[in-house]
Amino acid sequence: METAGFIIVLGCKKCGKCDGVCETGALTHVDGIAMVDHEKCNLCMQCVKVCPNKALVYLD
C-alpha cells in the first residue's frame, strides 16, 4: 500500500501522453506502463496533469 504524498499508477492505458514531462526523470515506462520512482519524484504533478485517463493519481 502506498502512503500519502506519492503519485501512483492505476490502469495506465499506455497512451504515451506523459512521456517527457517529468523534469526529474522519475517517470519511466516498463512494458509501456508508467512507473514512478518515488526517490526522484519532486511532486511537480506534470504527469498527473497530462494524463487523459487519470491513471496517475496523487495520494494526499
N, C-alpha and C. Protein backbone atom coordinates (compact mmCIF):
# COMPACT_ATOMS: atom_id res chain seq x y z
N MET A 1 0.84 -1.20 0.00
CA MET A 1 0.00 0.00 0.00
C MET A 1 0.87 1.24 0.00
N GLU A 2 0.56 2.19 -0.87
CA GLU A 2 1.30 3.44 -0.95
C GLU A 2 0.86 4.36 0.19
N THR A 3 1.73 5.28 0.55
CA THR A 3 1.41 6.24 1.60
C THR A 3 1.10 7.59 0.99
N ALA A 4 0.53 8.48 1.78
CA ALA A 4 0.18 9.81 1.31
C ALA A 4 1.40 10.55 0.79
N GLY A 5 1.19 11.41 -0.19
CA GLY A 5 2.26 12.20 -0.76
C GLY A 5 2.96 11.55 -1.93
N PHE A 6 2.41 10.49 -2.48
CA PHE A 6 3.00 9.80 -3.61
C PHE A 6 2.06 9.80 -4.79
N ILE A 7 2.65 9.74 -5.98
CA ILE A 7 1.87 9.55 -7.20
C ILE A 7 1.89 8.06 -7.50
N ILE A 8 0.72 7.50 -7.71
CA ILE A 8 0.61 6.08 -8.04
C ILE A 8 0.00 5.92 -9.42
N VAL A 9 0.21 4.76 -10.00
CA VAL A 9 -0.31 4.47 -11.34
C VAL A 9 -1.43 3.44 -11.22
N LEU A 10 -2.60 3.81 -11.73
CA LEU A 10 -3.76 2.93 -11.70
C LEU A 10 -4.33 2.80 -13.11
N GLY A 11 -4.22 1.65 -13.71
CA GLY A 11 -4.86 1.44 -15.01
C GLY A 11 -4.28 2.22 -16.16
N CYS A 12 -2.95 2.34 -16.23
CA CYS A 12 -2.31 3.04 -17.35
C CYS A 12 -2.73 2.38 -18.66
N LYS A 13 -3.13 3.21 -19.63
CA LYS A 13 -3.59 2.72 -20.92
C LYS A 13 -2.51 2.81 -22.00
N LYS A 14 -1.27 3.13 -21.60
CA LYS A 14 -0.12 3.19 -22.50
C LYS A 14 -0.29 4.21 -23.62
N CYS A 15 -0.93 5.33 -23.36
CA CYS A 15 -1.15 6.32 -24.42
C CYS A 15 0.10 7.12 -24.73
N GLY A 16 1.03 7.25 -23.78
CA GLY A 16 2.28 7.96 -24.00
C GLY A 16 2.22 9.46 -23.80
N LYS A 17 1.09 10.01 -23.40
CA LYS A 17 0.96 11.46 -23.20
C LYS A 17 1.91 11.99 -22.14
N CYS A 18 2.29 11.16 -21.18
CA CYS A 18 3.16 11.60 -20.08
C CYS A 18 4.64 11.52 -20.44
N ASP A 19 4.97 10.93 -21.57
CA ASP A 19 6.37 10.80 -21.99
C ASP A 19 7.04 12.17 -22.05
N GLY A 20 8.14 12.31 -21.36
CA GLY A 20 8.94 13.53 -21.44
C GLY A 20 8.52 14.68 -20.56
N VAL A 21 7.43 14.57 -19.81
CA VAL A 21 7.01 15.70 -18.97
C VAL A 21 7.67 15.73 -17.60
N CYS A 22 8.25 14.63 -17.18
CA CYS A 22 8.86 14.56 -15.86
C CYS A 22 10.22 15.24 -15.86
N GLU A 23 10.35 16.30 -15.07
CA GLU A 23 11.59 17.09 -15.06
C GLU A 23 12.73 16.42 -14.28
N THR A 24 12.42 15.42 -13.47
CA THR A 24 13.46 14.76 -12.67
C THR A 24 13.80 13.37 -13.17
N GLY A 25 13.09 12.89 -14.18
CA GLY A 25 13.33 11.55 -14.69
C GLY A 25 12.74 10.46 -13.81
N ALA A 26 11.79 10.83 -12.96
CA ALA A 26 11.17 9.87 -12.05
C ALA A 26 10.14 8.99 -12.75
N LEU A 27 9.62 9.45 -13.87
CA LEU A 27 8.59 8.72 -14.60
C LEU A 27 9.24 7.96 -15.75
N THR A 28 9.14 6.66 -15.70
CA THR A 28 9.67 5.81 -16.77
C THR A 28 8.58 4.84 -17.18
N HIS A 29 8.86 4.04 -18.18
CA HIS A 29 7.89 3.06 -18.65
C HIS A 29 8.50 1.67 -18.67
N VAL A 30 7.77 0.71 -18.16
CA VAL A 30 8.17 -0.69 -18.19
C VAL A 30 7.08 -1.43 -18.95
N ASP A 31 7.43 -2.00 -20.08
CA ASP A 31 6.45 -2.66 -20.95
C ASP A 31 5.29 -1.73 -21.29
N GLY A 32 5.61 -0.43 -21.47
CA GLY A 32 4.59 0.55 -21.84
C GLY A 32 3.79 1.11 -20.69
N ILE A 33 3.96 0.58 -19.50
CA ILE A 33 3.21 1.06 -18.33
C ILE A 33 4.05 2.08 -17.57
N ALA A 34 3.45 3.22 -17.21
CA ALA A 34 4.15 4.26 -16.46
C ALA A 34 4.51 3.75 -15.07
N MET A 35 5.75 4.09 -14.64
CA MET A 35 6.23 3.73 -13.32
C MET A 35 6.85 4.98 -12.71
N VAL A 36 6.64 5.20 -11.40
CA VAL A 36 7.16 6.38 -10.72
C VAL A 36 8.23 5.96 -9.71
N ASP A 37 9.41 6.56 -9.82
CA ASP A 37 10.49 6.36 -8.84
C ASP A 37 10.30 7.43 -7.77
N HIS A 38 9.77 7.03 -6.62
CA HIS A 38 9.43 8.00 -5.58
C HIS A 38 10.63 8.69 -4.97
N GLU A 39 11.81 8.13 -5.13
CA GLU A 39 13.01 8.78 -4.62
C GLU A 39 13.42 9.96 -5.51
N LYS A 40 13.06 9.93 -6.78
CA LYS A 40 13.37 11.01 -7.72
C LYS A 40 12.23 12.02 -7.85
N CYS A 41 11.02 11.59 -7.58
CA CYS A 41 9.84 12.43 -7.80
C CYS A 41 9.83 13.65 -6.88
N ASN A 42 9.63 14.85 -7.46
CA ASN A 42 9.53 16.08 -6.67
C ASN A 42 8.09 16.58 -6.58
N LEU A 43 7.15 15.74 -6.98
CA LEU A 43 5.72 16.04 -6.94
C LEU A 43 5.34 17.30 -7.73
N CYS A 44 5.97 17.48 -8.89
CA CYS A 44 5.63 18.63 -9.75
C CYS A 44 4.24 18.49 -10.35
N MET A 45 3.73 17.26 -10.40
CA MET A 45 2.38 16.95 -10.85
C MET A 45 2.17 17.08 -12.36
N GLN A 46 3.23 17.28 -13.14
CA GLN A 46 3.07 17.41 -14.58
C GLN A 46 2.49 16.14 -15.19
N CYS A 47 2.94 14.97 -14.72
CA CYS A 47 2.41 13.71 -15.26
C CYS A 47 0.93 13.55 -14.95
N VAL A 48 0.54 13.95 -13.76
CA VAL A 48 -0.87 13.86 -13.36
C VAL A 48 -1.72 14.78 -14.24
N LYS A 49 -1.21 15.98 -14.51
CA LYS A 49 -1.95 16.96 -15.31
C LYS A 49 -2.15 16.53 -16.76
N VAL A 50 -1.16 15.84 -17.35
CA VAL A 50 -1.28 15.49 -18.77
C VAL A 50 -1.97 14.15 -19.03
N CYS A 51 -2.19 13.35 -18.01
CA CYS A 51 -2.78 12.02 -18.22
C CYS A 51 -4.27 12.12 -18.53
N PRO A 52 -4.67 11.79 -19.77
CA PRO A 52 -6.08 11.89 -20.13
C PRO A 52 -6.94 10.79 -19.51
N ASN A 53 -6.30 9.74 -19.02
CA ASN A 53 -7.04 8.61 -18.45
C ASN A 53 -7.11 8.64 -16.93
N LYS A 54 -6.52 9.68 -16.34
CA LYS A 54 -6.47 9.81 -14.88
C LYS A 54 -5.86 8.56 -14.23
N ALA A 55 -4.85 7.99 -14.92
CA ALA A 55 -4.18 6.80 -14.42
C ALA A 55 -3.11 7.15 -13.39
N LEU A 56 -2.59 8.38 -13.44
CA LEU A 56 -1.61 8.84 -12.46
C LEU A 56 -2.37 9.64 -11.41
N VAL A 57 -2.27 9.18 -10.17
CA VAL A 57 -3.08 9.74 -9.09
C VAL A 57 -2.18 10.15 -7.93
N TYR A 58 -2.39 11.37 -7.40
CA TYR A 58 -1.66 11.83 -6.22
C TYR A 58 -2.47 11.46 -4.98
N LEU A 59 -1.83 10.79 -4.05
CA LEU A 59 -2.48 10.45 -2.79
C LEU A 59 -2.16 11.53 -1.77
N ASP A 60 -3.18 12.22 -1.30
CA ASP A 60 -2.93 13.27 -0.31
C ASP A 60 -3.38 12.94 1.06
